[in-house]
């Protein structure tokens, strides 16, 4: 399990993104990039990372399931993910 501070940091980034979303879009349309530089860095969408909801792992993340590859494999083998089974041929 990831530290709670990592989840809190991601939540803060989402809040900042929502807060400055409209301002950022209008500045971008008008081409006022100097003023965009003064906005908080964490208010940019690119700063957000996808994290596994179980472990908080950010790498090897499957968007469709919201899980990392490790948790996905465990749940799939236990049959907890509908429609997923181990391939064999």
PDB file of N, CA and C in Angstrom:
ATOM      1  N   UNK A   1       0.842  -1.179   0.000  1.00  0.00           N
ATOM      2  CA  UNK A   1       0.000   0.000   0.000  1.00  0.00           C
ATOM      3  C   UNK A   1       0.884   1.237   0.000  1.00  0.00           C
ATOM      4  N   UNK A   2       0.567   2.164  -0.839  1.00  0.00           N
ATOM      5  CA  UNK A   2       1.336   3.401  -0.917  1.00  0.00           C
ATOM      6  C   UNK A   2       1.038   4.277   0.294  1.00  0.00           C
ATOM      7  N   UNK A   3       1.942   5.185   0.541  1.00  0.00           N
ATOM      8  CA  UNK A   3       1.730   6.114   1.650  1.00  0.00           C
ATOM      9  C   UNK A   3       0.504   6.967   1.381  1.00  0.00           C
ATOM     10  N   UNK A   4      -0.178   7.333   2.431  1.00  0.00           N
ATOM     11  CA  UNK A   4      -1.389   8.134   2.294  1.00  0.00           C
ATOM     12  C   UNK A   4      -1.085   9.518   1.731  1.00  0.00           C
ATOM     13  N   UNK A   5       0.137   9.990   1.944  1.00  0.00           N
ATOM     14  CA  UNK A   5       0.512  11.300   1.429  1.00  0.00           C
ATOM     15  C   UNK A   5       0.498  11.316  -0.101  1.00  0.00           C
ATOM     16  N   UNK A   6       0.801  10.177  -0.737  1.00  0.00           N
ATOM     17  CA  UNK A   6       0.782  10.115  -2.201  1.00  0.00           C
ATOM     18  C   UNK A   6      -0.645  10.243  -2.724  1.00  0.00           C
ATOM     19  N   UNK A   7      -1.595   9.574  -2.042  1.00  0.00           N
ATOM     20  CA  UNK A   7      -2.997   9.699  -2.443  1.00  0.00           C
ATOM     21  C   UNK A   7      -3.483  11.129  -2.226  1.00  0.00           C
ATOM     22  N   UNK A   8      -3.063  11.732  -1.134  1.00  0.00           N
ATOM     23  CA  UNK A   8      -3.467  13.112  -0.825  1.00  0.00           C
ATOM     24  C   UNK A   8      -2.901  14.077  -1.858  1.00  0.00           C
ATOM     25  N   UNK A   9      -1.671  13.845  -2.276  1.00  0.00           N
ATOM     26  CA  UNK A   9      -1.043  14.715  -3.268  1.00  0.00           C
ATOM     27  C   UNK A   9      -1.783  14.636  -4.600  1.00  0.00           C
ATOM     28  N   UNK A  10      -2.162  13.411  -4.991  1.00  0.00           N
ATOM     29  CA  UNK A  10      -2.915  13.251  -6.242  1.00  0.00           C
ATOM     30  C   UNK A  10      -4.287  13.921  -6.151  1.00  0.00           C
ATOM     31  N   UNK A  11      -4.931  13.818  -4.996  1.00  0.00           N
ATOM     32  CA  UNK A  11      -6.233  14.457  -4.813  1.00  0.00           C
ATOM     33  C   UNK A  11      -6.100  15.971  -4.900  1.00  0.00           C
ATOM     34  N   UNK A  12      -5.023  16.493  -4.342  1.00  0.00           N
ATOM     35  CA  UNK A  12      -4.778  17.935  -4.399  1.00  0.00           C
ATOM     36  C   UNK A  12      -4.569  18.380  -5.841  1.00  0.00           C
ATOM     37  N   UNK A  13      -3.830  17.587  -6.610  1.00  0.00           N
ATOM     38  CA  UNK A  13      -3.610  17.922  -8.016  1.00  0.00           C
ATOM     39  C   UNK A  13      -4.921  17.928  -8.798  1.00  0.00           C
ATOM     40  N   UNK A  14      -5.809  16.998  -8.494  1.00  0.00           N
ATOM     41  CA  UNK A  14      -7.109  16.968  -9.177  1.00  0.00           C
ATOM     42  C   UNK A  14      -7.940  18.196  -8.831  1.00  0.00           C
ATOM     43  N   UNK A  15      -7.919  18.577  -7.551  1.00  0.00           N
ATOM     44  CA  UNK A  15      -8.661  19.775  -7.134  1.00  0.00           C
ATOM     45  C   UNK A  15      -8.117  21.021  -7.820  1.00  0.00           C
ATOM     46  N   UNK A  16      -6.794  21.159  -7.871  1.00  0.00           N
ATOM     47  CA  UNK A  16      -6.183  22.317  -8.514  1.00  0.00           C
ATOM     48  C   UNK A  16      -6.491  22.347 -10.004  1.00  0.00           C
ATOM     49  N   UNK A  17      -6.477  21.176 -10.638  1.00  0.00           N
ATOM     50  CA  UNK A  17      -6.792  21.120 -12.064  1.00  0.00           C
ATOM     51  C   UNK A  17      -8.212  21.613 -12.322  1.00  0.00           C
ATOM     52  N   UNK A  18      -9.161  21.140 -11.521  1.00  0.00           N
ATOM     53  CA  UNK A  18     -10.558  21.559 -11.688  1.00  0.00           C
ATOM     54  C   UNK A  18     -10.723  23.056 -11.417  1.00  0.00           C
ATOM     55  N   UNK A  19      -9.980  23.569 -10.456  1.00  0.00           N
ATOM     56  CA  UNK A  19     -10.098  24.976 -10.084  1.00  0.00           C
ATOM     57  C   UNK A  19      -9.613  25.896 -11.206  1.00  0.00           C
ATOM     58  N   UNK A  20      -8.498  25.540 -11.844  1.00  0.00           N
ATOM     59  CA  UNK A  20      -7.870  26.408 -12.845  1.00  0.00           C
ATOM     60  C   UNK A  20      -8.147  25.988 -14.281  1.00  0.00           C
ATOM     61  N   UNK A  21      -9.008  25.009 -14.479  1.00  0.00           N
ATOM     62  CA  UNK A  21      -9.263  24.458 -15.810  1.00  0.00           C
ATOM     63  C   UNK A  21      -9.753  25.534 -16.794  1.00  0.00           C
ATOM     64  N   UNK A  22     -10.777  26.271 -16.406  1.00  0.00           N
ATOM     65  CA  UNK A  22     -11.350  27.276 -17.301  1.00  0.00           C
ATOM     66  C   UNK A  22     -10.375  28.418 -17.563  1.00  0.00           C
ATOM     67  N   UNK A  23      -9.681  28.845 -16.526  1.00  0.00           N
ATOM     68  CA  UNK A  23      -8.708  29.930 -16.683  1.00  0.00           C
ATOM     69  C   UNK A  23      -7.610  29.508 -17.654  1.00  0.00           C
ATOM     70  N   UNK A  24      -7.120  28.295 -17.481  1.00  0.00           N
ATOM     71  CA  UNK A  24      -6.054  27.775 -18.344  1.00  0.00           C
ATOM     72  C   UNK A  24      -6.516  27.705 -19.801  1.00  0.00           C
ATOM     73  N   UNK A  25      -7.758  27.260 -20.030  1.00  0.00           N
ATOM     74  CA  UNK A  25      -8.275  27.150 -21.405  1.00  0.00           C
ATOM     75  C   UNK A  25      -8.395  28.517 -22.067  1.00  0.00           C
ATOM     76  N   UNK A  26      -8.916  29.505 -21.332  1.00  0.00           N
ATOM     77  CA  UNK A  26      -9.065  30.838 -21.928  1.00  0.00           C
ATOM     78  C   UNK A  26      -7.709  31.466 -22.222  1.00  0.00           C
ATOM     79  N   UNK A  27      -6.748  31.307 -21.327  1.00  0.00           N
ATOM     80  CA  UNK A  27      -5.413  31.856 -21.566  1.00  0.00           C
ATOM     81  C   UNK A  27      -4.756  31.182 -22.767  1.00  0.00           C
ATOM     82  N   UNK A  28      -4.997  29.889 -22.905  1.00  0.00           N
ATOM     83  CA  UNK A  28      -4.411  29.152 -24.022  1.00  0.00           C
ATOM     84  C   UNK A  28      -5.015  29.604 -25.349  1.00  0.00           C
ATOM     85  N   UNK A  29      -6.357  29.810 -25.361  1.00  0.00           N
ATOM     86  CA  UNK A  29      -7.022  30.269 -26.592  1.00  0.00           C
ATOM     87  C   UNK A  29      -6.514  31.634 -27.025  1.00  0.00           C
ATOM     88  N   UNK A  30      -6.322  32.515 -26.047  1.00  0.00           N
ATOM     89  CA  UNK A  30      -5.894  33.889 -26.346  1.00  0.00           C
ATOM     90  C   UNK A  30      -4.390  33.994 -26.569  1.00  0.00           C
ATOM     91  N   UNK A  31      -3.663  32.916 -26.311  1.00  0.00           N
ATOM     92  CA  UNK A  31      -2.231  32.916 -26.548  1.00  0.00           C
ATOM     93  C   UNK A  31      -1.433  33.664 -25.497  1.00  0.00           C
ATOM     94  N   UNK A  32      -1.976  33.816 -24.315  1.00  0.00           N
ATOM     95  CA  UNK A  32      -1.287  34.547 -23.238  1.00  0.00           C
ATOM     96  C   UNK A  32      -0.508  33.542 -22.377  1.00  0.00           C
ATOM     97  N   UNK A  33       0.584  33.053 -22.950  1.00  0.00           N
ATOM     98  CA  UNK A  33       1.354  31.995 -22.299  1.00  0.00           C
ATOM     99  C   UNK A  33       2.156  32.511 -21.105  1.00  0.00           C
ATOM    100  N   UNK A  34       2.485  33.795 -21.115  1.00  0.00           N
ATOM    101  CA  UNK A  34       3.218  34.354 -19.972  1.00  0.00           C
ATOM    102  C   UNK A  34       2.380  34.289 -18.708  1.00  0.00           C
ATOM    103  N   UNK A  35       1.089  34.541 -18.848  1.00  0.00           N
ATOM    104  CA  UNK A  35       0.197  34.484 -17.686  1.00  0.00           C
ATOM    105  C   UNK A  35      -0.058  33.033 -17.264  1.00  0.00           C
ATOM    106  N   UNK A  36      -0.003  32.112 -18.224  1.00  0.00           N
ATOM    107  CA  UNK A  36      -0.167  30.695 -17.887  1.00  0.00           C
ATOM    108  C   UNK A  36       0.986  30.206 -17.020  1.00  0.00           C
ATOM    109  N   UNK A  37       2.172  30.793 -17.224  1.00  0.00           N
ATOM    110  CA  UNK A  37       3.341  30.397 -16.439  1.00  0.00           C
ATOM    111  C   UNK A  37       3.170  30.726 -14.960  1.00  0.00           C
ATOM    112  N   UNK A  38       2.321  31.686 -14.647  1.00  0.00           N
ATOM    113  CA  UNK A  38       2.129  32.110 -13.263  1.00  0.00           C
ATOM    114  C   UNK A  38       1.126  31.237 -12.514  1.00  0.00           C
ATOM    115  N   UNK A  39       0.391  30.378 -13.230  1.00  0.00           N
ATOM    116  CA  UNK A  39      -0.533  29.458 -12.570  1.00  0.00           C
ATOM    117  C   UNK A  39       0.274  28.383 -11.837  1.00  0.00           C
ATOM    118  N   UNK A  40      -0.306  27.764 -10.821  1.00  0.00           N
ATOM    119  CA  UNK A  40       0.419  26.695 -10.116  1.00  0.00           C
ATOM    120  C   UNK A  40       0.746  25.539 -11.054  1.00  0.00           C
ATOM    121  N   UNK A  41       1.923  24.981 -10.891  1.00  0.00           N
ATOM    122  CA  UNK A  41       2.337  23.880 -11.765  1.00  0.00           C
ATOM    123  C   UNK A  41       1.441  22.668 -11.611  1.00  0.00           C
ATOM    124  N   UNK A  42       1.003  22.387 -10.401  1.00  0.00           N
ATOM    125  CA  UNK A  42       0.173  21.213 -10.170  1.00  0.00           C
ATOM    126  C   UNK A  42      -1.245  21.376 -10.700  1.00  0.00           C
ATOM    127  N   UNK A  43      -1.568  22.531 -11.251  1.00  0.00           N
ATOM    128  CA  UNK A  43      -2.901  22.712 -11.815  1.00  0.00           C
ATOM    129  C   UNK A  43      -2.965  22.231 -13.265  1.00  0.00           C
ATOM    130  N   UNK A  44      -1.858  21.734 -13.783  1.00  0.00           N
ATOM    131  CA  UNK A  44      -1.818  21.211 -15.135  1.00  0.00           C
ATOM    132  C   UNK A  44      -2.244  19.742 -15.148  1.00  0.00           C
ATOM    133  N   UNK A  45      -2.951  19.345 -16.185  1.00  0.00           N
ATOM    134  CA  UNK A  45      -3.431  17.967 -16.303  1.00  0.00           C
ATOM    135  C   UNK A  45      -2.273  16.980 -16.416  1.00  0.00           C
ATOM    136  N   UNK A  46      -1.196  17.401 -17.034  1.00  0.00           N
ATOM    137  CA  UNK A  46      -0.075  16.505 -17.288  1.00  0.00           C
ATOM    138  C   UNK A  46       0.633  16.080 -16.007  1.00  0.00           C
ATOM    139  N   UNK A  47       0.433  16.814 -14.920  1.00  0.00           N
ATOM    140  CA  UNK A  47       1.102  16.484 -13.660  1.00  0.00           C
ATOM    141  C   UNK A  47       0.422  15.342 -12.907  1.00  0.00           C
ATOM    142  N   UNK A  48      -0.793  14.981 -13.311  1.00  0.00           N
ATOM    143  CA  UNK A  48      -1.522  13.922 -12.619  1.00  0.00           C
ATOM    144  C   UNK A  48      -1.026  12.555 -13.074  1.00  0.00           C
ATOM    145  N   UNK A  49      -0.990  11.610 -12.136  1.00  0.00           N
ATOM    146  CA  UNK A  49      -0.598  10.243 -12.437  1.00  0.00           C
ATOM    147  C   UNK A  49      -1.735   9.302 -12.107  1.00  0.00           C
ATOM    148  N   UNK A  50      -1.900   8.284 -12.923  1.00  0.00           N
ATOM    149  CA  UNK A  50      -2.871   7.242 -12.611  1.00  0.00           C
ATOM    150  C   UNK A  50      -2.256   6.324 -11.565  1.00  0.00           C
ATOM    151  N   UNK A  51      -3.048   5.966 -10.570  1.00  0.00           N
ATOM    152  CA  UNK A  51      -2.548   5.092  -9.515  1.00  0.00           C
ATOM    153  C   UNK A  51      -3.513   3.943  -9.285  1.00  0.00           C
ATOM    154  N   UNK A  52      -2.959   2.809  -8.923  1.00  0.00           N
ATOM    155  CA  UNK A  52      -3.754   1.639  -8.567  1.00  0.00           C
ATOM    156  C   UNK A  52      -4.573   1.982  -7.321  1.00  0.00           C
ATOM    157  N   UNK A  53      -5.854   1.636  -7.338  1.00  0.00           N
ATOM    158  CA  UNK A  53      -6.712   1.972  -6.199  1.00  0.00           C
ATOM    159  C   UNK A  53      -6.409   1.103  -4.982  1.00  0.00           C
ATOM    160  N   UNK A  54      -5.770  -0.031  -5.184  1.00  0.00           N
ATOM    161  CA  UNK A  54      -5.471  -0.933  -4.070  1.00  0.00           C
ATOM    162  C   UNK A  54      -4.108  -0.630  -3.459  1.00  0.00           C
ATOM    163  N   UNK A  55      -3.072  -0.596  -4.305  1.00  0.00           N
ATOM    164  CA  UNK A  55      -1.715  -0.454  -3.791  1.00  0.00           C
ATOM    165  C   UNK A  55      -1.142   0.948  -3.940  1.00  0.00           C
ATOM    166  N   UNK A  56      -1.684   1.743  -4.837  1.00  0.00           N
ATOM    167  CA  UNK A  56      -1.143   3.076  -5.070  1.00  0.00           C
ATOM    168  C   UNK A  56       0.006   3.085  -6.056  1.00  0.00           C
ATOM    169  N   UNK A  57       0.304   1.951  -6.643  1.00  0.00           N
ATOM    170  CA  UNK A  57       1.393   1.843  -7.604  1.00  0.00           C
ATOM    171  C   UNK A  57       1.055   2.649  -8.852  1.00  0.00           C
ATOM    172  N   UNK A  58       2.045   3.395  -9.367  1.00  0.00           N
ATOM    173  CA  UNK A  58       1.774   4.236 -10.524  1.00  0.00           C
ATOM    174  C   UNK A  58       2.259   3.632 -11.834  1.00  0.00           C
ATOM    175  N   UNK A  59       3.179   2.719 -11.764  1.00  0.00           N
ATOM    176  CA  UNK A  59       3.659   2.085 -12.993  1.00  0.00           C
ATOM    177  C   UNK A  59       2.867   0.803 -13.263  1.00  0.00           C
ATOM    178  N   UNK A  60       2.859   0.396 -14.523  1.00  0.00           N
ATOM    179  CA  UNK A  60       2.158  -0.819 -14.954  1.00  0.00           C
ATOM    180  C   UNK A  60       0.701  -0.761 -14.525  1.00  0.00           C
ATOM    181  N   UNK A  61       0.031   0.318 -14.897  1.00  0.00           N
ATOM    182  CA  UNK A  61      -1.339   0.596 -14.498  1.00  0.00           C
ATOM    183  C   UNK A  61      -2.274   0.320 -15.670  1.00  0.00           C
ATOM    184  N   UNK A  62      -3.327  -0.464 -15.447  1.00  0.00           N
ATOM    185  CA  UNK A  62      -4.326  -0.731 -16.483  1.00  0.00           C
ATOM    186  C   UNK A  62      -5.507   0.195 -16.259  1.00  0.00           C
ATOM    187  N   UNK A  63      -5.707   1.117 -17.193  1.00  0.00           N
ATOM    188  CA  UNK A  63      -6.772   2.111 -17.065  1.00  0.00           C
ATOM    189  C   UNK A  63      -8.158   1.485 -16.979  1.00  0.00           C
ATOM    190  N   UNK A  64      -8.385   0.496 -17.798  1.00  0.00           N
ATOM    191  CA  UNK A  64      -9.708  -0.117 -17.885  1.00  0.00           C
ATOM    192  C   UNK A  64     -10.172  -0.664 -16.534  1.00  0.00           C
ATOM    193  N   UNK A  65      -9.232  -1.157 -15.738  1.00  0.00           N
ATOM    194  CA  UNK A  65      -9.577  -1.770 -14.463  1.00  0.00           C
ATOM    195  C   UNK A  65      -9.212  -0.905 -13.264  1.00  0.00           C
ATOM    196  N   UNK A  66      -8.338   0.075 -13.455  1.00  0.00           N
ATOM    197  CA  UNK A  66      -7.912   0.923 -12.356  1.00  0.00           C
ATOM    198  C   UNK A  66      -6.968   0.229 -11.397  1.00  0.00           C
ATOM    199  N   UNK A  67      -6.277  -0.799 -11.901  1.00  0.00           N
ATOM    200  CA  UNK A  67      -5.397  -1.599 -11.059  1.00  0.00           C
ATOM    201  C   UNK A  67      -4.013  -1.708 -11.684  1.00  0.00           C
ATOM    202  N   UNK A  68      -3.017  -2.005 -10.847  1.00  0.00           N
ATOM    203  CA  UNK A  68      -1.681  -2.285 -11.360  1.00  0.00           C
ATOM    204  C   UNK A  68      -1.653  -3.724 -11.861  1.00  0.00           C
ATOM    205  N   UNK A  69      -0.615  -4.064 -12.576  1.00  0.00           N
ATOM    206  CA  UNK A  69      -0.520  -5.408 -13.159  1.00  0.00           C
ATOM    207  C   UNK A  69      -0.462  -6.490 -12.089  1.00  0.00           C
ATOM    208  N   UNK A  70       0.145  -6.169 -10.959  1.00  0.00           N
ATOM    209  CA  UNK A  70       0.285  -7.158  -9.893  1.00  0.00           C
ATOM    210  C   UNK A  70      -1.068  -7.479  -9.253  1.00  0.00           C
ATOM    211  N   UNK A  71      -1.819  -6.458  -8.935  1.00  0.00           N
ATOM    212  CA  UNK A  71      -3.129  -6.648  -8.313  1.00  0.00           C
ATOM    213  C   UNK A  71      -4.099  -7.261  -9.325  1.00  0.00           C
ATOM    214  N   UNK A  72      -3.987  -6.804 -10.580  1.00  0.00           N
ATOM    215  CA  UNK A  72      -4.847  -7.348 -11.631  1.00  0.00           C
ATOM    216  C   UNK A  72      -4.658  -8.857 -11.750  1.00  0.00           C
ATOM    217  N   UNK A  73      -3.406  -9.306 -11.739  1.00  0.00           N
ATOM    218  CA  UNK A  73      -3.117 -10.731 -11.874  1.00  0.00           C
ATOM    219  C   UNK A  73      -3.694 -11.526 -10.704  1.00  0.00           C
ATOM    220  N   UNK A  74      -3.505 -11.008  -9.491  1.00  0.00           N
ATOM    221  CA  UNK A  74      -4.028 -11.706  -8.316  1.00  0.00           C
ATOM    222  C   UNK A  74      -5.551 -11.836  -8.378  1.00  0.00           C
ATOM    223  N   UNK A  75      -6.218 -10.733  -8.695  1.00  0.00           N
ATOM    224  CA  UNK A  75      -7.683 -10.744  -8.743  1.00  0.00           C
ATOM    225  C   UNK A  75      -8.196 -11.616  -9.885  1.00  0.00           C
ATOM    226  N   UNK A  76      -7.501 -11.599 -11.017  1.00  0.00           N
ATOM    227  CA  UNK A  76      -7.922 -12.417 -12.158  1.00  0.00           C
ATOM    228  C   UNK A  76      -7.784 -13.902 -11.834  1.00  0.00           C
ATOM    229  N   UNK A  77      -6.716 -14.278 -11.173  1.00  0.00           N
ATOM    230  CA  UNK A  77      -6.521 -15.688 -10.829  1.00  0.00           C
ATOM    231  C   UNK A  77      -7.540 -16.160  -9.802  1.00  0.00           C
ATOM    232  N   UNK A  78      -7.969 -15.270  -8.929  1.00  0.00           N
ATOM    233  CA  UNK A  78      -8.996 -15.624  -7.937  1.00  0.00           C
ATOM    234  C   UNK A  78     -10.400 -15.571  -8.522  1.00  0.00           C
ATOM    235  N   UNK A  79     -10.532 -15.041  -9.749  1.00  0.00           N
ATOM    236  CA  UNK A  79     -11.837 -14.948 -10.398  1.00  0.00           C
ATOM    237  C   UNK A  79     -12.659 -13.769  -9.931  1.00  0.00           C
ATOM    238  N   UNK A  80     -12.017 -12.728  -9.428  1.00  0.00           N
ATOM    239  CA  UNK A  80     -12.732 -11.559  -8.912  1.00  0.00           C
ATOM    240  C   UNK A  80     -13.024 -10.514  -9.987  1.00  0.00           C
ATOM    241  N   UNK A  81     -12.453 -10.695 -11.179  1.00  0.00           N
ATOM    242  CA  UNK A  81     -12.714  -9.769 -12.284  1.00  0.00           C
ATOM    243  C   UNK A  81     -13.556 -10.507 -13.311  1.00  0.00           C
ATOM    244  N   UNK A  82     -14.801 -10.095 -13.514  1.00  0.00           N
ATOM    245  CA  UNK A  82     -15.675 -10.814 -14.439  1.00  0.00           C
ATOM    246  C   UNK A  82     -15.166 -10.762 -15.881  1.00  0.00           C
ATOM    247  N   UNK A  83     -15.241 -11.894 -16.558  1.00  0.00           N
ATOM    248  CA  UNK A  83     -14.862 -11.966 -17.959  1.00  0.00           C
ATOM    249  C   UNK A  83     -13.380 -12.129 -18.217  1.00  0.00           C
ATOM    250  N   UNK A  84     -12.587 -12.260 -17.162  1.00  0.00           N
ATOM    251  CA  UNK A  84     -11.135 -12.397 -17.337  1.00  0.00           C
ATOM    252  C   UNK A  84     -10.725 -13.765 -16.821  1.00  0.00           C
ATOM    253  N   UNK A  85      -9.980 -14.496 -17.657  1.00  0.00           N
ATOM    254  CA  UNK A  85      -9.433 -15.766 -17.207  1.00  0.00           C
ATOM    255  C   UNK A  85      -8.049 -15.938 -17.806  1.00  0.00           C
ATOM    256  N   UNK A  86      -7.281 -16.800 -17.217  1.00  0.00           N
ATOM    257  CA  UNK A  86      -5.910 -17.028 -17.673  1.00  0.00           C
ATOM    258  C   UNK A  86      -5.942 -17.701 -19.036  1.00  0.00           C
ATOM    259  N   UNK A  87      -5.116 -17.193 -19.922  1.00  0.00           N
ATOM    260  CA  UNK A  87      -5.046 -17.743 -21.266  1.00  0.00           C
ATOM    261  C   UNK A  87      -4.191 -18.996 -21.273  1.00  0.00           C
ATOM    262  N   UNK A  88      -4.626 -19.990 -22.028  1.00  0.00           N
ATOM    263  CA  UNK A  88      -3.802 -21.176 -22.248  1.00  0.00           C
ATOM    264  C   UNK A  88      -4.130 -21.721 -23.635  1.00  0.00           C
ATOM    265  N   UNK A  89      -3.077 -22.099 -24.357  1.00  0.00           N
ATOM    266  CA  UNK A  89      -3.298 -22.637 -25.692  1.00  0.00           C
ATOM    267  C   UNK A  89      -2.297 -23.690 -26.018  1.00  0.00           C
TER     268      UNK A  89
END
